[in-house]
């Protein structure tokens, strides 16, 4: 487990930092999750999940949909434990997740809207020529994650194509900055299980062999661990 030890070497005190392994990080994360206080409904459906078992992908998806007890259409999310923190991959989900985002292209008219404080978009795409004009809005757009960037495909010489790809489900998925954890919506409880499975398969394929554990859950349901060999 992570700790700091003092080792005496030739009368000099040397500090040795022992870093947690990915497995230890997983264990700590799961222990924190157990501290949460859940409702009676949650505890009732949780008893129907075998916490020692890793389910087949389709079986797990069907189980999560069955155990979802929200009065509204639930969002199904995937939670990944990967090998390292700070990792990011580009993913194109083959099916819409039900969380549509408005994508805008920078032009003179939009610049005036931003200057007036009207930010009516979720993703901003720009060609390189507009970046000098966008620079003065960096303090507004930056904290919101809206500044165009070539790494996520929002700064490009072909913004029209980028909008088409982003609208079709292309996204940059990142782990937490300090922890090897990824949380991402991959569908709705009303979706066909096969479509949700194909979204999960695309996500797992993008991370390749970096995934240690995968679980899925709905907005109001317990988590279900998935056997990665069935993905």
Protein backbone atom coordinates (compact mmCIF):
# COMPACT_ATOMS: atom_id res chain seq x y z
CA UNK A 1 0.00 0.00 0.00
CA UNK A 2 1.18 3.59 -0.56
CA UNK A 3 3.43 4.77 2.27
CA UNK A 4 6.57 6.72 3.12
CA UNK A 5 9.49 4.93 4.75
CA UNK A 6 12.70 6.33 6.27
CA UNK A 7 15.81 4.30 5.46
CA UNK A 8 19.12 4.94 7.24
CA UNK A 9 21.94 4.82 4.65
CA UNK A 10 25.44 5.74 5.94
CA UNK A 11 24.05 8.12 8.54
CA UNK A 12 21.96 9.86 5.88
CA UNK A 13 18.19 9.72 6.01
CA UNK A 14 16.69 8.87 2.61
CA UNK A 15 12.99 9.17 1.96
CA UNK A 16 11.58 6.34 -0.16
CA UNK A 17 8.17 6.81 -1.78
CA UNK A 18 6.27 3.58 -2.40
CA UNK A 19 3.74 4.08 -5.21
CA UNK A 20 0.46 2.18 -5.27
CA UNK A 21 0.09 -0.48 -7.93
CA UNK A 22 -3.01 -0.28 -10.21
CA UNK A 23 -4.58 -3.11 -8.18
CA UNK A 24 -4.06 -1.18 -4.92
CA UNK A 25 -5.62 1.91 -6.50
CA UNK A 26 -8.66 -0.17 -7.44
CA UNK A 27 -8.94 -1.52 -3.90
CA UNK A 28 -8.81 1.97 -2.38
CA UNK A 29 -11.43 3.24 -4.84
CA UNK A 30 -13.78 0.37 -4.02
CA UNK A 31 -13.35 0.94 -0.27
CA UNK A 32 -14.31 4.61 -0.68
CA UNK A 33 -17.41 3.60 -2.64
CA UNK A 34 -18.54 1.32 0.19
CA UNK A 35 -18.72 4.29 2.57
CA UNK A 36 -21.66 5.80 0.66
CA UNK A 37 -25.12 5.54 2.21
CA UNK A 38 -27.71 4.17 -0.23
CA UNK A 39 -31.51 4.05 -0.21
CA UNK A 40 -33.60 0.98 0.59
CA UNK A 41 -34.52 0.63 -3.10
CA UNK A 42 -30.86 0.61 -4.04
CA UNK A 43 -30.01 -1.99 -1.41
CA UNK A 44 -32.92 -4.15 -2.58
CA UNK A 45 -31.75 -4.28 -6.19
CA UNK A 46 -28.09 -4.51 -5.20
CA UNK A 47 -28.84 -7.84 -3.52
CA UNK A 48 -29.66 -9.22 -6.98
CA UNK A 49 -26.11 -8.60 -8.22
CA UNK A 50 -23.39 -11.15 -7.51
CA UNK A 51 -20.52 -8.83 -6.52
CA UNK A 52 -17.99 -11.66 -6.88
CA UNK A 53 -18.95 -12.29 -10.50
CA UNK A 54 -17.90 -10.66 -13.77
CA UNK A 55 -20.84 -10.83 -16.15
CA UNK A 56 -20.94 -11.45 -19.87
CA UNK A 57 -21.32 -8.08 -21.62
CA UNK A 58 -24.88 -8.51 -22.94
CA UNK A 59 -26.02 -10.27 -19.76
CA UNK A 60 -24.59 -7.42 -17.68
CA UNK A 61 -26.29 -4.75 -19.79
CA UNK A 62 -29.65 -6.54 -19.55
CA UNK A 63 -29.22 -6.84 -15.79
CA UNK A 64 -28.45 -3.13 -15.35
CA UNK A 65 -31.51 -2.18 -17.41
CA UNK A 66 -33.66 -4.54 -15.35
CA UNK A 67 -32.38 -3.22 -12.02
CA UNK A 68 -32.67 0.48 -12.94
CA UNK A 69 -35.35 1.91 -10.65
CA UNK A 70 -35.46 5.59 -11.71
CA UNK A 71 -38.79 7.12 -12.66
CA UNK A 72 -37.09 8.70 -15.69
CA UNK A 73 -35.09 7.28 -18.58
CA UNK A 74 -31.78 6.32 -17.02
CA UNK A 75 -28.33 6.96 -18.45
CA UNK A 76 -26.07 3.93 -18.59
CA UNK A 77 -22.44 4.72 -17.82
CA UNK A 78 -19.22 2.76 -18.06
CA UNK A 79 -16.58 3.02 -15.36
CA UNK A 80 -13.07 1.94 -16.25
CA UNK A 81 -10.01 1.36 -14.13
CA UNK A 82 -7.01 1.72 -16.42
CA UNK A 83 -3.26 1.27 -16.01
CA UNK A 84 -2.29 4.93 -15.67
CA UNK A 85 -3.74 8.33 -14.77
CA UNK A 86 -3.86 11.11 -17.32
CA UNK A 87 -4.50 8.83 -20.30
CA UNK A 88 -6.70 10.01 -23.16
CA UNK A 89 -8.04 8.36 -26.31
CA UNK A 90 -10.19 9.39 -29.25
CA UNK A 91 -13.43 7.42 -29.48
CA UNK A 92 -16.23 7.31 -32.03
CA UNK A 93 -19.32 5.71 -30.52
CA UNK A 94 -21.36 3.97 -33.23
CA UNK A 95 -24.67 4.84 -31.56
CA UNK A 96 -25.98 8.07 -30.04
CA UNK A 97 -25.96 8.04 -26.25
CA UNK A 98 -28.97 10.31 -25.89
CA UNK A 99 -26.80 13.20 -24.74
CA UNK A 100 -26.62 15.40 -27.81
CA UNK A 101 -24.17 18.31 -27.84
CA UNK A 102 -24.38 21.51 -29.83
CA UNK A 103 -21.29 22.05 -31.97
CA UNK A 104 -20.50 25.55 -33.32
CA UNK A 105 -17.97 26.87 -35.82
CA UNK A 106 -16.17 30.14 -35.13
CA UNK A 107 -17.02 33.01 -37.47
CA UNK A 108 -17.32 36.77 -37.09
CA UNK A 109 -20.94 36.54 -35.96
CA UNK A 110 -20.13 33.95 -33.27
CA UNK A 111 -17.22 36.05 -32.02
CA UNK A 112 -19.65 38.90 -31.35
CA UNK A 113 -21.96 36.49 -29.50
CA UNK A 114 -19.09 35.32 -27.29
CA UNK A 115 -18.06 38.90 -26.62
CA UNK A 116 -21.61 39.65 -25.53
CA UNK A 117 -21.47 36.73 -23.11
CA UNK A 118 -23.75 34.45 -25.13
CA UNK A 119 -22.21 30.99 -25.15
CA UNK A 120 -24.87 28.74 -26.65
CA UNK A 121 -22.79 25.70 -27.60
CA UNK A 122 -21.13 22.68 -26.01
CA UNK A 123 -18.22 22.27 -28.42
CA UNK A 124 -16.42 25.02 -30.33
CA UNK A 125 -14.60 24.28 -33.61
CA UNK A 126 -12.27 26.74 -35.31
CA UNK A 127 -9.94 27.05 -38.26
CA UNK A 128 -6.41 28.34 -37.46
CA UNK A 129 -7.15 31.79 -38.93
CA UNK A 130 -9.63 32.62 -36.14
CA UNK A 131 -7.40 31.60 -33.23
CA UNK A 132 -5.76 35.05 -32.81
CA UNK A 133 -9.23 36.58 -32.44
CA UNK A 134 -10.30 33.85 -30.00
CA UNK A 135 -7.24 34.41 -27.82
CA UNK A 136 -8.81 37.35 -25.99
CA UNK A 137 -11.67 35.08 -24.87
CA UNK A 138 -9.35 32.39 -23.47
CA UNK A 139 -10.18 33.33 -19.86
CA UNK A 140 -13.87 32.75 -20.57
CA UNK A 141 -13.65 29.71 -22.84
CA UNK A 142 -10.66 27.99 -21.23
CA UNK A 143 -12.20 27.13 -17.84
CA UNK A 144 -15.25 25.73 -19.66
CA UNK A 145 -13.06 23.50 -21.84
CA UNK A 146 -14.26 25.27 -24.98
CA UNK A 147 -11.01 26.56 -26.46
CA UNK A 148 -10.37 24.80 -29.79
CA UNK A 149 -7.48 22.38 -29.64
CA UNK A 150 -5.85 20.21 -32.33
CA UNK A 151 -5.55 17.30 -29.85
CA UNK A 152 -9.32 16.84 -29.66
CA UNK A 153 -9.99 17.73 -33.29
CA UNK A 154 -11.63 21.11 -32.64
CA UNK A 155 -8.84 23.15 -34.24
CA UNK A 156 -8.66 22.14 -37.87
CA UNK A 157 -8.39 23.46 -41.41
CA UNK A 158 -11.64 21.64 -42.19
CA UNK A 159 -14.09 22.67 -39.43
CA UNK A 160 -17.16 21.47 -41.37
CA UNK A 161 -15.85 17.92 -41.41
CA UNK A 162 -14.97 18.16 -37.71
CA UNK A 163 -18.52 19.23 -36.87
CA UNK A 164 -19.88 16.24 -38.78
CA UNK A 165 -17.58 13.83 -36.91
CA UNK A 166 -18.22 15.37 -33.50
CA UNK A 167 -21.98 15.37 -34.08
CA UNK A 168 -21.77 11.69 -35.02
CA UNK A 169 -20.27 10.78 -31.65
CA UNK A 170 -16.54 11.43 -31.94
CA UNK A 171 -15.08 12.48 -28.60
CA UNK A 172 -11.89 12.64 -26.58
CA UNK A 173 -12.16 10.46 -23.48
CA UNK A 174 -9.77 11.19 -20.61
CA UNK A 175 -9.07 9.56 -17.30
CA UNK A 176 -9.04 11.61 -14.13
CA UNK A 177 -5.90 13.72 -13.90
CA UNK A 178 -4.63 12.14 -10.67
CA UNK A 179 -6.39 8.77 -10.73
CA UNK A 180 -6.56 5.99 -13.37
CA UNK A 181 -10.35 6.17 -13.55
CA UNK A 182 -12.68 6.87 -16.48
CA UNK A 183 -16.41 7.57 -16.24
CA UNK A 184 -18.42 7.98 -19.46
CA UNK A 185 -22.08 7.77 -20.55
CA UNK A 186 -22.50 5.06 -23.18
CA UNK A 187 -26.28 4.87 -23.63
CA UNK A 188 -29.80 5.02 -22.24
CA UNK A 189 -31.86 2.33 -20.55
CA UNK A 190 -34.31 2.51 -23.48
CA UNK A 191 -31.64 1.59 -26.03
CA UNK A 192 -31.24 -1.86 -27.50
CA UNK A 193 -28.69 -3.86 -25.50
CA UNK A 194 -26.74 -4.67 -28.66
CA UNK A 195 -26.27 -0.96 -29.42
CA UNK A 196 -25.03 -0.28 -25.89
CA UNK A 197 -22.67 -3.26 -26.22
CA UNK A 198 -21.26 -1.86 -29.47
CA UNK A 199 -20.62 1.50 -27.79
CA UNK A 200 -18.76 -0.27 -24.97
CA UNK A 201 -16.77 -2.31 -27.47
CA UNK A 202 -15.70 0.87 -29.26
CA UNK A 203 -14.61 2.38 -25.94
CA UNK A 204 -12.64 -0.69 -24.88
CA UNK A 205 -11.04 -0.95 -28.33
CA UNK A 206 -9.86 2.66 -28.11
CA UNK A 207 -8.10 2.03 -24.79
CA UNK A 208 -6.68 -1.26 -26.17
CA UNK A 209 -4.94 -3.25 -23.41
CA UNK A 210 -4.90 -0.42 -20.85
CA UNK A 211 -8.12 -1.45 -19.08
CA UNK A 212 -7.89 -3.39 -15.82
CA UNK A 213 -11.56 -3.43 -14.85
CA UNK A 214 -14.89 -2.46 -16.37
CA UNK A 215 -18.26 -1.99 -14.71
CA UNK A 216 -21.52 -0.45 -15.87
CA UNK A 217 -24.47 1.10 -14.08
CA UNK A 218 -27.57 3.16 -14.75
CA UNK A 219 -28.43 6.54 -13.20
CA UNK A 220 -30.15 4.68 -10.36
CA UNK A 221 -28.87 1.13 -10.22
CA UNK A 222 -25.99 -0.77 -8.64
CA UNK A 223 -22.85 -1.34 -10.66
CA UNK A 224 -22.29 -4.59 -12.51
CA UNK A 225 -18.77 -5.85 -13.23
CA UNK A 226 -18.16 -6.96 -16.83
CA UNK A 227 -15.86 -9.74 -17.99
CA UNK A 228 -13.46 -7.98 -20.38
CA UNK A 229 -13.00 -11.21 -22.33
CA UNK A 230 -16.63 -10.97 -23.47
CA UNK A 231 -16.28 -7.43 -24.81
